[in-house]
Protein backbone atom coordinates (compact mmCIF):
# COMPACT_ATOMS: atom_id res chain seq x y z
CA MET A 1 106.81 160.23 84.77
CA THR A 2 109.34 162.78 83.68
CA GLY A 3 110.47 163.19 80.15
CA SER A 4 113.65 161.24 80.90
CA GLY A 5 111.80 158.36 82.56
CA PRO A 6 111.41 154.95 80.93
CA LEU A 7 108.63 154.42 78.41
CA GLY A 8 106.50 151.35 77.85
CA PRO A 9 106.02 148.59 80.45
CA GLU A 10 109.48 149.28 81.92
CA ARG A 11 108.00 152.33 83.65
CA PHE A 12 106.44 149.96 86.22
CA ARG A 13 109.76 148.36 87.20
CA LEU A 14 110.00 150.16 90.56
CA LEU A 15 106.40 149.25 91.44
CA ALA A 16 107.05 145.60 90.54
CA GLY A 17 110.23 145.48 92.62
CA TYR A 18 108.51 147.09 95.60
CA LEU A 19 105.66 144.56 95.55
CA ALA A 20 107.78 141.48 94.76
CA GLY A 21 110.39 142.30 97.38
CA ARG A 22 113.25 141.86 94.91
CA PRO A 23 114.37 143.33 91.57
CA VAL A 24 111.83 142.33 88.91
CA GLY A 25 111.73 143.38 85.27
CA VAL A 26 108.61 144.35 83.34
CA ALA A 27 108.24 143.57 79.64
CA GLN A 28 105.64 143.19 76.91
CA ALA A 29 104.12 139.70 76.61
CA PRO A 30 103.98 137.99 73.20
CA THR A 31 101.00 138.96 71.09
CA GLY A 32 97.80 137.36 72.34
CA ARG A 33 99.35 136.13 75.61
CA PRO A 34 97.74 137.38 78.89
CA ALA A 35 99.78 138.87 81.71
CA HIS A 36 102.01 136.40 83.55
CA THR A 37 105.42 136.11 85.23
CA ASP A 38 108.33 133.70 85.20
CA GLY A 39 109.58 134.84 88.61
CA SER A 40 112.12 137.37 87.34
CA VAL A 41 110.09 139.31 84.74
CA VAL A 42 106.44 140.36 84.78
CA TYR A 43 104.96 140.25 81.27
CA VAL A 44 102.01 142.56 80.63
CA SER A 45 99.44 142.48 77.84
CA GLY A 46 99.11 145.04 75.08
CA GLY A 47 96.28 146.93 76.80
CA SER A 48 96.17 150.46 78.10
CA VAL A 49 98.61 151.90 80.64
CA ALA A 50 95.99 151.60 83.41
CA GLU A 51 95.38 147.94 82.57
CA GLN A 52 99.10 147.22 82.51
CA ARG A 53 99.48 148.87 85.92
CA ARG A 54 96.77 146.57 87.34
CA GLU A 55 98.46 143.51 85.81
CA VAL A 56 101.83 144.45 87.33
CA LEU A 57 100.14 145.01 90.68
CA VAL A 58 98.63 141.51 90.84
CA GLN A 59 101.49 139.48 89.33
CA SER A 60 104.17 141.24 91.42
CA ALA A 61 102.08 140.94 94.59
CA LEU A 62 101.79 137.18 94.01
CA LEU A 63 105.59 136.97 93.88
CA GLY A 64 106.02 139.07 97.01
CA ALA A 65 103.40 137.11 98.94
CA GLY A 66 105.00 133.74 98.18
CA SER A 67 101.96 132.58 96.22
CA LEU A 68 104.14 131.31 93.35
CA GLU A 69 106.69 129.32 95.33
CA PRO A 70 107.90 126.11 93.63
CA ARG A 71 106.14 123.72 96.02
CA ILE A 72 102.79 125.34 95.16
CA VAL A 73 103.46 125.76 91.45
CA ARG A 74 104.31 122.07 91.11
CA ALA A 75 100.81 121.23 92.33
CA LEU A 76 99.35 123.42 89.54
CA ARG A 77 101.35 121.84 86.75
CA ALA A 78 99.21 120.14 84.07
CA ARG A 79 96.05 121.29 85.92
CA PRO A 80 94.85 124.45 84.15
CA SER A 81 91.45 124.50 85.87
CA VAL A 82 93.05 124.30 89.31
CA ALA A 83 95.53 127.04 88.33
CA ARG A 84 92.70 129.36 87.27
CA ARG A 85 90.79 128.80 90.51
CA TYR A 86 93.95 129.27 92.58
CA LEU A 87 94.77 132.56 90.81
CA ALA A 88 91.26 133.88 91.47
CA LEU A 89 91.57 133.09 95.19
CA GLU A 90 95.15 134.29 95.69
CA GLY A 91 94.67 137.45 93.62
CA ARG A 92 91.79 138.54 95.81
CA ARG A 93 93.71 137.61 98.96
CA VAL A 94 96.86 139.58 98.14
CA LEU A 95 94.81 142.61 97.06
CA ALA A 96 93.02 142.53 100.41
CA ALA A 97 96.37 142.32 102.23
CA LEU A 98 97.80 145.19 100.17
CA SER A 99 94.82 147.51 100.60
CA PRO A 100 96.12 149.24 103.77
CA HIS A 101 99.49 149.91 102.11
CA VAL A 102 98.79 150.58 98.41
CA THR A 103 96.03 152.95 97.28
CA LEU A 104 95.64 151.21 93.92
CA ALA A 105 95.08 147.86 95.62
CA ALA A 106 92.43 149.38 97.87
CA ALA A 107 90.64 150.82 94.82
CA LEU A 108 90.73 147.50 92.94
CA ARG A 109 90.00 145.21 95.87
CA PRO A 110 86.84 143.13 95.24
CA ASP A 111 83.95 143.47 97.65
CA GLY A 112 83.75 141.13 100.60
CA GLU A 113 86.39 139.19 102.48
CA PRO A 114 88.87 136.95 100.63
CA GLY A 115 87.90 133.30 100.44
CA SER A 116 91.16 132.02 101.96
CA ALA A 117 93.68 133.03 104.61
CA THR A 118 96.86 131.37 103.31
CA ALA A 119 98.33 130.21 100.03
CA GLY A 120 98.00 126.62 101.20
CA GLU A 121 94.31 127.11 101.93
CA SER A 122 93.80 128.66 98.48
CA LEU A 123 95.40 125.60 96.91
CA GLU A 124 93.16 123.21 98.84
CA ILE A 125 90.03 125.14 97.86
CA ALA A 126 91.15 125.25 94.22
CA ARG A 127 91.57 121.48 94.23
CA GLY A 128 88.12 120.93 95.66
CA ARG A 129 84.65 121.47 94.30
CA THR A 130 83.75 124.72 96.08
CA ARG A 131 82.48 127.33 93.65
CA VAL A 132 85.08 130.04 93.00
CA ALA A 133 84.22 133.29 91.21
CA ASP A 134 86.14 133.87 87.99
CA ALA A 135 89.11 136.22 88.18
CA PRO A 136 89.12 139.50 86.20
CA SER A 137 91.07 139.37 82.98
CA TRP A 138 93.73 141.72 84.38
CA PHE A 139 94.70 139.09 86.96
CA GLY A 140 96.45 137.38 84.03
CA ILE A 141 97.36 133.70 84.19
CA ILE A 142 99.79 131.37 85.96
CA LEU A 143 102.31 129.48 83.81
CA PRO A 144 103.79 126.73 86.04
CA ALA A 145 106.30 125.60 83.40
CA ALA A 146 107.82 129.10 83.11
CA LEU A 147 107.99 129.55 86.89
CA LEU A 148 109.65 126.17 87.49
CA LYS A 149 112.27 126.76 84.79
CA ALA A 150 113.27 130.18 86.11
CA PRO A 151 116.37 130.30 88.40
CA PRO A 152 115.71 131.10 92.09
CA PRO A 153 116.12 134.75 93.16
CA GLU A 154 119.54 135.79 94.41
CA PRO A 155 119.75 135.86 98.23
CA GLY A 156 120.32 139.12 100.00
CA ARG A 157 118.67 141.30 97.35
CA GLN A 158 115.36 141.96 99.08
CA ALA A 159 113.82 145.36 98.41
CA PRO A 160 113.86 147.63 101.49
CA LEU A 161 110.09 148.27 101.40
CA ARG A 162 108.68 144.78 100.98
CA PHE A 163 105.07 144.67 102.10
CA HIS A 164 103.91 142.14 104.69
CA VAL A 165 101.02 139.75 104.14
CA PRO A 166 100.03 137.89 107.33
CA ASP A 167 100.12 134.10 107.20
CA ILE A 168 101.54 134.13 103.72
CA ALA A 169 103.88 131.23 104.43
CA HIS A 170 102.73 127.67 103.93
CA PRO A 171 101.47 126.02 107.14
CA ASP A 172 104.20 123.40 106.87
CA ASP A 173 107.11 125.90 106.83
CA GLU A 174 109.67 125.20 109.52
CA ASP A 175 110.27 128.97 109.93
CA ASP A 176 106.82 129.36 111.51
CA GLN A 177 108.00 127.45 114.58
CA ASP A 178 111.18 129.42 115.22
CA ASP A 179 110.02 131.62 118.08
CA GLY A 180 113.59 132.08 119.28
CA ALA A 181 114.79 133.92 116.19
CA PRO A 182 115.40 137.68 116.46
CA GLY A 183 112.65 139.86 115.05
CA GLU A 184 113.13 141.97 111.93
CA GLU A 185 114.30 145.54 112.48
CA SER A 186 111.41 147.94 112.15
CA LYS A 187 111.75 150.38 109.24
CA ILE A 188 109.27 152.75 110.89
CA LEU A 189 111.15 152.87 114.19
CA LYS A 190 114.34 153.72 112.29
CA LEU A 191 112.73 157.06 111.43
CA PHE A 192 112.43 157.91 115.12
CA GLU A 193 115.90 156.84 116.27
CA SER A 194 117.75 159.66 117.98
CA PRO A 195 120.31 160.02 120.75
CA MET A 196 117.79 162.11 122.73
CA PRO A 197 116.04 160.12 125.52
CA VAL A 198 112.67 161.70 124.77
CA SER A 199 112.74 160.50 121.15
CA GLN A 200 113.69 157.01 122.27
CA LEU A 201 110.75 156.88 124.68
CA PHE A 202 108.47 158.08 121.93
CA ALA A 203 109.82 155.35 119.62
CA GLU A 204 109.14 152.69 122.25
CA PHE A 205 105.61 154.00 122.74
CA LEU A 206 105.03 153.91 118.98
CA GLY A 207 106.36 150.36 118.85
CA LYS A 208 103.88 149.24 121.50
CA LEU A 209 101.06 150.97 119.68
CA LEU A 210 101.92 149.30 116.36
CA GLY A 211 102.48 145.89 117.93
CA THR A 212 106.13 145.66 116.78
CA SER A 213 108.04 145.99 120.08
CA ARG A 214 109.32 143.12 122.16
CA ALA A 215 108.05 142.38 125.64
CA PRO A 216 110.22 144.20 128.22
CA ALA A 217 112.22 142.17 130.71
CA ASP A 218 111.44 142.53 134.40
CA ASP A 219 113.83 143.90 136.99
CA SER A 220 114.54 140.54 138.64
CA ALA A 221 117.86 138.74 138.39
CA GLY A 222 118.55 137.84 134.79
CA GLY A 223 116.02 140.38 133.59
CA GLU A 224 118.68 142.20 131.65
CA LEU A 225 119.11 139.22 129.31
CA PRO A 226 117.42 139.85 125.94
CA ILE A 227 114.59 137.43 125.23
CA ARG A 228 114.20 138.34 121.53
CA THR A 229 110.91 136.53 121.04
CA ALA A 230 108.68 137.60 118.13
CA ARG A 231 105.21 136.35 117.19
CA ARG A 232 103.40 136.82 113.90
CA THR A 233 100.11 138.75 114.12
CA ARG A 234 97.11 139.10 111.83
CA ARG A 235 96.84 142.86 112.49
CA THR A 236 98.72 145.65 114.25
CA GLY A 237 97.59 148.02 116.98
CA PRO A 238 96.19 147.60 120.48
CA HIS A 239 93.95 144.70 119.37
CA ALA A 240 96.79 142.63 117.89
CA ARG A 241 96.66 138.92 118.65
CA PRO A 242 99.39 136.34 117.91
CA VAL A 243 98.78 133.80 115.18
CA PRO A 244 98.66 130.19 116.50
CA THR A 245 101.87 128.29 115.82
CA PRO A 246 101.30 125.33 113.46
CA ILE A 247 101.71 121.91 115.06
CA HIS A 248 103.53 119.20 113.08
CA PHE A 249 102.37 115.70 114.02
CA THR A 250 104.93 112.89 113.91
CA GLY A 251 102.90 109.91 115.00
CA ASP A 252 99.71 107.93 114.75
CA GLY A 253 96.53 108.04 112.75
CA ASP A 254 96.47 109.49 109.29
CA THR A 255 99.77 111.35 109.69
CA PRO A 256 102.48 108.72 110.20
CA GLY A 257 105.96 109.54 111.37
CA ALA A 258 107.13 108.48 107.93
CA ALA A 259 106.22 111.92 106.66
CA LEU A 260 109.64 112.83 108.01
CA GLY A 261 111.30 109.82 106.39
CA VAL A 262 111.17 107.53 109.45
CA GLY A 263 110.38 103.81 109.27
CA GLY A 264 108.85 102.03 106.32
CA ALA A 265 110.47 99.82 103.69
CA LEU A 266 112.91 100.93 101.01
CA HIS A 267 112.17 100.07 97.38
CA PRO A 268 114.16 100.61 94.16
CA GLU A 269 113.02 102.82 91.31
CA TRP A 270 113.59 102.28 87.60
CA ASP A 271 115.50 105.04 85.81
CA VAL A 272 114.63 104.76 82.13
CA HIS A 273 117.26 107.33 81.17
CA ARG A 274 120.11 105.33 82.71
CA ARG A 275 118.52 101.95 81.92
CA GLY A 276 119.00 100.78 85.49
CA TYR A 277 117.56 100.79 89.00
CA ARG A 278 118.11 103.37 91.72
CA PRO A 279 118.54 101.04 94.72
CA ASP A 280 116.71 101.83 97.99
CA TRP A 281 115.37 105.01 96.43
CA CYS A 282 111.81 105.24 97.79
CA ARG A 283 110.52 104.79 101.32
CA VAL A 284 107.04 103.22 101.46
CA VAL A 285 105.27 103.31 104.81
CA GLU A 286 102.29 101.15 105.63
CA PHE A 287 100.09 102.39 108.47
CA PRO A 288 96.54 101.76 109.73
CA LEU A 289 93.83 104.36 109.21
CA THR A 290 91.56 105.52 111.99
CA ALA A 291 87.85 105.83 111.25
CA ALA A 292 87.57 109.48 110.18
CA GLY A 293 84.22 109.35 108.40
CA VAL A 294 80.77 107.88 108.76
CA ASP A 295 79.57 104.52 107.56
CA ALA A 296 78.62 104.84 103.90
CA ALA A 297 76.34 102.47 102.03
CA VAL A 298 77.98 100.37 99.33
CA PRO A 299 76.23 100.39 95.93
CA ARG A 300 75.10 96.89 94.99
CA ASP A 301 75.99 95.67 91.51
CA ASP A 302 74.26 92.39 90.63
CA VAL A 303 75.85 92.26 87.17
CA LEU A 304 79.31 92.55 88.70
CA ARG A 305 78.55 89.84 91.26
CA HIS A 306 77.25 87.46 88.58
CA ARG A 307 80.31 87.99 86.40
CA LEU A 308 82.85 87.63 89.19
CA SER A 309 81.16 84.52 90.61
CA ARG A 310 82.72 82.58 87.73
CA VAL A 311 86.23 83.89 88.33
CA GLY A 312 88.75 82.73 90.89
CA LEU A 313 87.49 79.17 91.25
CA GLY A 314 90.03 76.47 92.02
CA VAL A 315 89.73 72.93 90.69
CA ARG A 316 88.28 70.41 93.13
CA MET A 317 88.53 66.65 92.53
CA LEU A 318 85.25 64.79 93.22
CA ARG A 319 85.77 61.03 93.58
CA GLY A 320 83.41 58.07 93.38
CA ARG A 321 81.21 59.61 90.70
CA PRO A 322 78.94 57.62 88.32
CA ASP A 323 80.67 59.44 85.42
CA GLY A 324 83.48 61.88 85.09
CA ASP A 325 86.72 62.89 83.45
CA GLU A 326 88.84 59.86 84.41
CA LEU A 327 88.77 56.59 86.33
CA ASP A 328 89.08 56.72 90.09
CA LEU A 329 91.55 53.90 90.81
CA GLU A 330 90.73 53.72 94.51
CA ALA A 331 86.98 53.43 93.81
CA LEU A 332 87.72 50.79 91.14
CA VAL A 333 89.73 48.64 93.62
CA ASP A 334 86.98 48.95 96.21
CA LEU A 335 84.42 47.82 93.59
CA PHE A 336 86.39 44.63 92.79
CA VAL A 337 86.77 43.81 96.47
CA ASP A 338 83.03 44.22 97.03
CA LEU A 339 82.23 42.05 93.99
CA ARG A 340 84.55 39.25 95.20
CA SER A 341 82.81 39.45 98.56
CA GLY A 342 79.45 38.79 96.95
CA TRP A 343 78.07 42.29 97.23
CA SER A 344 77.05 44.33 94.18
CA PRO A 345 77.51 48.09 94.97
CA PRO A 346 76.83 50.94 92.47
CA GLU A 347 79.62 51.24 89.90
CA HIS A 348 80.73 54.75 90.86
CA VAL A 349 84.32 54.48 89.70
CA TYR A 350 84.98 57.87 88.04
CA ALA A 351 86.62 61.09 89.20
CA GLU A 352 85.32 64.51 88.16
CA ARG A 353 87.29 67.79 88.16
CA ARG A 354 85.00 70.66 89.07
CA LYS A 355 85.72 74.32 89.70
CA ALA A 356 84.19 74.83 93.10
CA ASP A 357 86.65 76.38 95.59
CA ARG A 358 87.51 80.06 95.61
CA ASP A 359 91.28 80.50 95.43
CA LEU A 360 91.67 84.21 94.64
CA GLY A 361 93.33 86.86 96.82
CA VAL A 362 92.80 90.50 95.74
CA LEU A 363 94.41 93.74 96.94
CA ILE A 364 92.68 96.94 95.76
CA LEU A 365 95.07 99.91 95.61
CA LEU A 366 93.19 103.24 95.58
CA ASP A 367 94.86 106.45 94.38
CA VAL A 368 94.05 109.30 96.81
CA SER A 369 96.54 111.87 95.50
CA GLY A 370 95.62 115.44 94.64
CA SER A 371 95.28 114.64 90.93
CA VAL A 372 91.97 112.77 91.49
CA THR A 373 90.14 115.93 92.58
CA ASP A 374 89.25 116.92 89.00
CA SER A 375 85.50 116.80 88.40
CA ASP A 376 83.42 115.49 85.51
CA ALA A 377 80.56 117.27 83.75
CA ASP A 378 78.17 116.32 86.58
CA GLY A 379 80.44 117.83 89.25
CA LEU A 380 81.52 114.44 90.65
CA ALA A 381 85.24 114.13 91.34
CA VAL A 382 87.37 111.28 90.03
CA HIS A 383 88.05 110.36 93.66
CA ASP A 384 84.33 109.83 94.29
CA HIS A 385 84.02 107.53 91.27
CA GLN A 386 87.06 105.49 92.26
CA ARG A 387 86.13 105.32 95.95
CA ARG A 388 82.68 103.95 95.08
CA ALA A 389 84.25 101.45 92.67
CA ALA A 390 86.67 100.30 95.38
CA ALA A 391 83.82 99.83 97.87
CA THR A 392 81.69 97.85 95.40
CA LEU A 393 84.59 95.62 94.33
CA ALA A 394 85.67 94.94 97.92
CA ALA A 395 82.14 94.10 99.11
CA THR A 396 81.37 91.89 96.09
CA LEU A 397 84.60 89.89 96.25
CA GLU A 398 84.27 89.41 100.00
CA ASP A 399 80.69 88.13 99.62
CA LEU A 400 81.92 85.63 97.02
CA GLY A 401 84.45 84.21 99.48
CA ASP A 402 87.68 85.76 98.16
CA ARG A 403 90.39 87.18 100.39
CA VAL A 404 90.31 90.98 99.92
CA ALA A 405 92.41 93.92 101.17
CA LEU A 406 91.95 97.62 100.40
CA TYR A 407 94.77 100.17 100.67
CA ALA A 408 94.99 103.86 99.72
CA PHE A 409 98.20 105.56 98.65
CA ARG A 410 99.68 109.00 98.05
CA SER A 411 103.19 110.45 98.21
CA HIS A 412 105.11 113.51 99.35
CA GLY A 413 108.42 112.94 97.61
CA ARG A 414 110.42 109.73 97.42
CA HIS A 415 111.04 109.64 101.18
CA ALA A 416 107.35 109.52 102.13
CA VAL A 417 105.10 107.25 100.07
CA HIS A 418 102.11 106.54 102.32
CA LEU A 419 100.21 103.25 102.09
CA ALA A 420 97.13 103.52 104.33
CA ALA A 421 95.32 100.31 105.29
CA VAL A 422 91.57 100.80 104.85
CA LYS A 423 90.97 97.03 105.13
CA THR A 424 93.62 94.37 105.65
CA PHE A 425 93.27 90.71 104.62
CA GLY A 426 92.35 89.75 108.17
CA GLN A 427 89.56 92.32 108.55
CA ARG A 428 85.96 92.37 107.42
CA PHE A 429 84.66 95.12 105.14
CA GLY A 430 82.25 96.22 107.82
CA ALA A 431 81.07 99.58 109.15
CA ALA A 432 84.51 100.61 110.45
CA ALA A 433 86.25 99.87 107.15
CA ARG A 434 83.52 101.64 105.19
CA ALA A 435 83.87 104.68 107.46
CA ARG A 436 87.64 104.73 106.93
CA LEU A 437 87.09 104.61 103.17
CA ALA A 438 84.48 107.39 103.27
CA GLY A 439 86.81 109.60 105.33
CA LEU A 440 89.64 109.59 102.78
CA ARG A 441 90.50 113.03 101.38
CA PRO A 442 92.79 113.39 98.33
CA SER A 443 96.11 115.17 98.86
CA GLY A 444 99.77 114.91 97.95
CA TYR A 445 101.22 113.42 94.80
CA THR A 446 101.28 110.14 92.85
CA ARG A 447 104.53 108.15 92.99
CA LEU A 448 102.70 105.24 91.43
CA GLY A 449 105.62 102.84 90.95
CA ALA A 450 106.54 102.90 94.64
CA GLY A 451 102.88 102.45 95.64
CA VAL A 452 102.56 99.41 93.36
CA ARG A 453 105.74 97.84 94.76
CA GLY A 454 104.61 98.39 98.35
CA ALA A 455 101.12 96.97 97.74
CA GLY A 456 102.57 94.04 95.78
CA GLY A 457 104.80 93.15 98.73
CA ILE A 458 101.78 93.06 101.05
CA LEU A 459 99.81 90.89 98.60
CA LYS A 460 102.67 88.40 98.18
CA ALA A 461 103.21 88.12 101.93
CA GLN A 462 99.59 88.07 103.12
CA GLY A 463 97.47 87.01 100.14
CA GLY A 464 97.41 83.38 101.24
CA THR A 465 95.94 82.03 97.98
CA PRO A 466 97.35 80.35 94.86
CA SER A 467 95.98 83.12 92.62
CA ARG A 468 96.75 86.73 93.55
CA LEU A 469 95.51 89.87 91.80
CA LEU A 470 96.41 93.54 92.32
CA ILE A 471 93.71 96.01 91.20
CA VAL A 472 95.00 99.58 90.78
CA LEU A 473 92.35 102.33 90.75
CA SER A 474 94.07 105.47 89.45
CA ASP A 475 93.66 108.27 86.93
CA GLY A 476 96.89 107.11 85.29
CA PHE A 477 98.76 110.37 85.88
CA PRO A 478 101.91 109.62 87.96
CA TYR A 479 103.59 112.77 89.26
CA ASP A 480 105.83 113.72 92.17
CA ASP A 481 108.97 115.71 92.90
CA GLY A 482 111.44 114.57 90.25
CA TYR A 483 108.94 111.97 89.07
CA GLU A 484 107.11 112.86 85.88
CA GLY A 485 106.90 112.31 82.14
CA ARG A 486 108.68 109.36 80.58
CA TYR A 487 110.56 108.62 83.81
CA ALA A 488 107.36 108.13 85.85
CA ASP A 489 105.56 106.18 83.10
CA ALA A 490 108.47 103.76 82.66
CA ASP A 491 108.88 103.19 86.41
CA THR A 492 105.18 102.40 86.85
CA ALA A 493 105.18 99.96 83.92
CA LYS A 494 108.35 98.36 85.30
CA ALA A 495 106.82 97.90 88.76
CA LEU A 496 103.79 96.12 87.25
CA GLU A 497 106.09 93.95 85.14
CA GLU A 498 108.06 92.96 88.27
CA LEU A 499 104.87 91.87 90.04
CA ARG A 500 103.75 89.68 87.14
CA ALA A 501 107.17 88.03 87.10
CA ASP A 502 106.71 87.29 90.84
CA GLY A 503 103.36 85.58 90.31
CA VAL A 504 100.96 88.48 90.96
CA ALA A 505 98.42 89.39 88.28
CA CYS A 506 97.73 93.10 87.72
CA LEU A 507 94.58 94.89 86.58
CA CYS A 508 94.57 98.70 86.26
CA LEU A 509 91.25 100.57 86.11
CA SER A 510 90.72 104.28 85.43
CA ILE A 511 87.20 105.17 86.60
CA GLY A 512 85.76 108.64 86.01
CA ALA A 513 89.02 110.10 84.67
CA GLU A 514 89.50 111.60 81.23
CA SER A 515 92.76 109.79 80.58
CA ALA A 516 93.41 108.86 76.95
CA ASP A 517 93.99 105.24 76.01
CA ASP A 518 97.50 105.93 74.72
CA SER A 519 98.49 107.58 78.02
CA LEU A 520 97.17 104.56 79.96
CA GLU A 521 99.19 102.32 77.67
CA ARG A 522 102.36 104.29 78.47
CA VAL A 523 101.76 104.22 82.22
CA PHE A 524 100.45 100.67 82.70
CA GLY A 525 102.51 99.06 79.94
CA ALA A 526 101.56 95.49 79.09
CA ALA A 527 99.41 95.09 82.21
CA CYS A 528 95.69 94.59 81.63
CA HIS A 529 93.92 97.95 81.91
CA ALA A 530 90.56 99.56 81.10
CA ARG A 531 88.91 102.96 81.27
CA ALA A 532 85.26 103.91 81.87
CA ALA A 533 83.13 106.73 83.24
CA THR A 534 81.65 104.49 85.95
CA LEU A 535 82.21 100.99 87.29
CA ALA A 536 78.79 99.92 85.96
CA GLU A 537 80.11 100.30 82.40
CA LEU A 538 82.85 97.75 83.11
CA SER A 539 80.71 95.30 85.13
CA PRO A 540 79.42 93.28 82.11
CA ARG A 541 82.99 92.44 81.08
CA MET A 542 84.71 92.42 84.45
CA ASP A 543 85.11 88.63 84.33
CA GLU A 544 86.96 89.00 81.01
CA LEU A 545 89.28 91.59 82.53
CA PHE A 546 90.03 89.37 85.55
CA LEU A 547 90.66 86.31 83.38
CA SER A 548 92.80 88.31 80.96
CA ALA A 549 95.01 89.51 83.81
CA LEU A 550 95.35 85.97 85.17
CA ARG A 551 96.17 84.59 81.70
CA GLU A 552 98.89 87.22 81.25
CA LEU A 553 100.29 86.05 84.57
CA ALA A 554 100.43 82.45 83.33
CA LEU A 555 102.32 83.53 80.22
CA ALA A 556 104.80 85.59 82.28
CA ARG A 557 105.76 82.67 84.55
CA PRO A 558 109.17 81.02 84.08
CA GLY A 559 109.14 78.39 81.38
CA ASN A 560 106.53 80.20 79.28
CA VAL A 561 107.01 82.69 76.49
CA SER A 562 106.28 86.19 77.77
CA SER A 563 103.68 88.19 75.94
CA THR A 564 105.60 91.39 76.62
């Protein structure tokens, strides 16, 4: 730096802009705060100049590589452990991609190959349970709240020397499929442009060598028409190979066409801020799952079976009993007729009311969103706890003679709330259903109110029993695009309240999650709910939870005083 150059962190402004691909400021972070960025300014710690240079390198490279785009940052919000793992993976990946272009990146690049190839893959690994090495302190941190609040960068202000990271776009980007778009103008070839034919030939040869030139047209008719086809490559040079174009499925199996907002049923959503409904706001799509896993054994819970055997019994009238609750008038008339005829039969003239027939229909709604990937101290994810609980509940209730259905749900915005049928009311919980349940993999978001409304509609239409119960297995953290905080909590509580008013009892269980009781109260409202580390902890009082939910239903029916 010259004597007239900027002092302090601002000296790295040109480096930050070069790496981010747009003008980016550099400033000192508040005391005690690690390096981070809000999308427009990179904040560095109070360390040495060399440490600040490393921090600018990583944070700016993340911006330039698209690693901090809003759709990815939203998935990191309120998940600090996932954010740390994602930063460790993406930091190593962008340093590896920068190594051929930036000497400092090559010097700082960790040994070995990066653990991921795209930002989307880094996010999936961060959500899972694969061990990820801790990031160096100079990687800084990711602050999702600051990145989401920052205004988007102004269009048309890209830096002229933006570096290229292969496959940096998300696999779902529509731009990846546009093979007909013209390729970007090569900055290197611009250096060799000249009116002289020899220089032009040399430029074309260099383009072929670097893998940046277009395929030449042949000399046949129409060959003079420019094709302008460009393909993304993982490397340049004579060994360059095109990257496979992502395929977007629109049909069967686990990827329904509703991902594009097609089909399904429209449901309202409660807006607590406006104190009213948003009509036809969410699209909920029910679709069958294909068996994607292997048959998994269902843990047997004898305590749960014993407790639930006393729940869901309808009253059956037994007539002609020697004693009972009331007189059986028909048996009494028959007795007098027999006595007048000279025959003395046994005096069985009472009727007895006995709970003997099962009359309970249950739909188990399993949360398979990305938020259930958090692990407990033993390394077992919330999804694993809740999946085992769903299997045990479904098998036990089916063995007792109840009608049972099992559905999984997740969302990708309000236009695509997926309701996957693991087991319908007409199916057995056999090997195929157990394999479908074992093959579920958490992803997406949690638009819980829409999932409850969709599952409640199925239960009301197909339950087929006088008593109907919806069991929601979730971590109690509703979140989606535009669906969070007080808005999401109020909509979920409202959806459960609507079901109880329509004659469907609701029981909400949080198994294996670290949700606080007050947060469950906000989300589930007046509906019966409980929290435990495992299902076995709730088994001794599961009958009380079932009966409590059914009693709340009786109080919420018309003509009774509501408990809410």
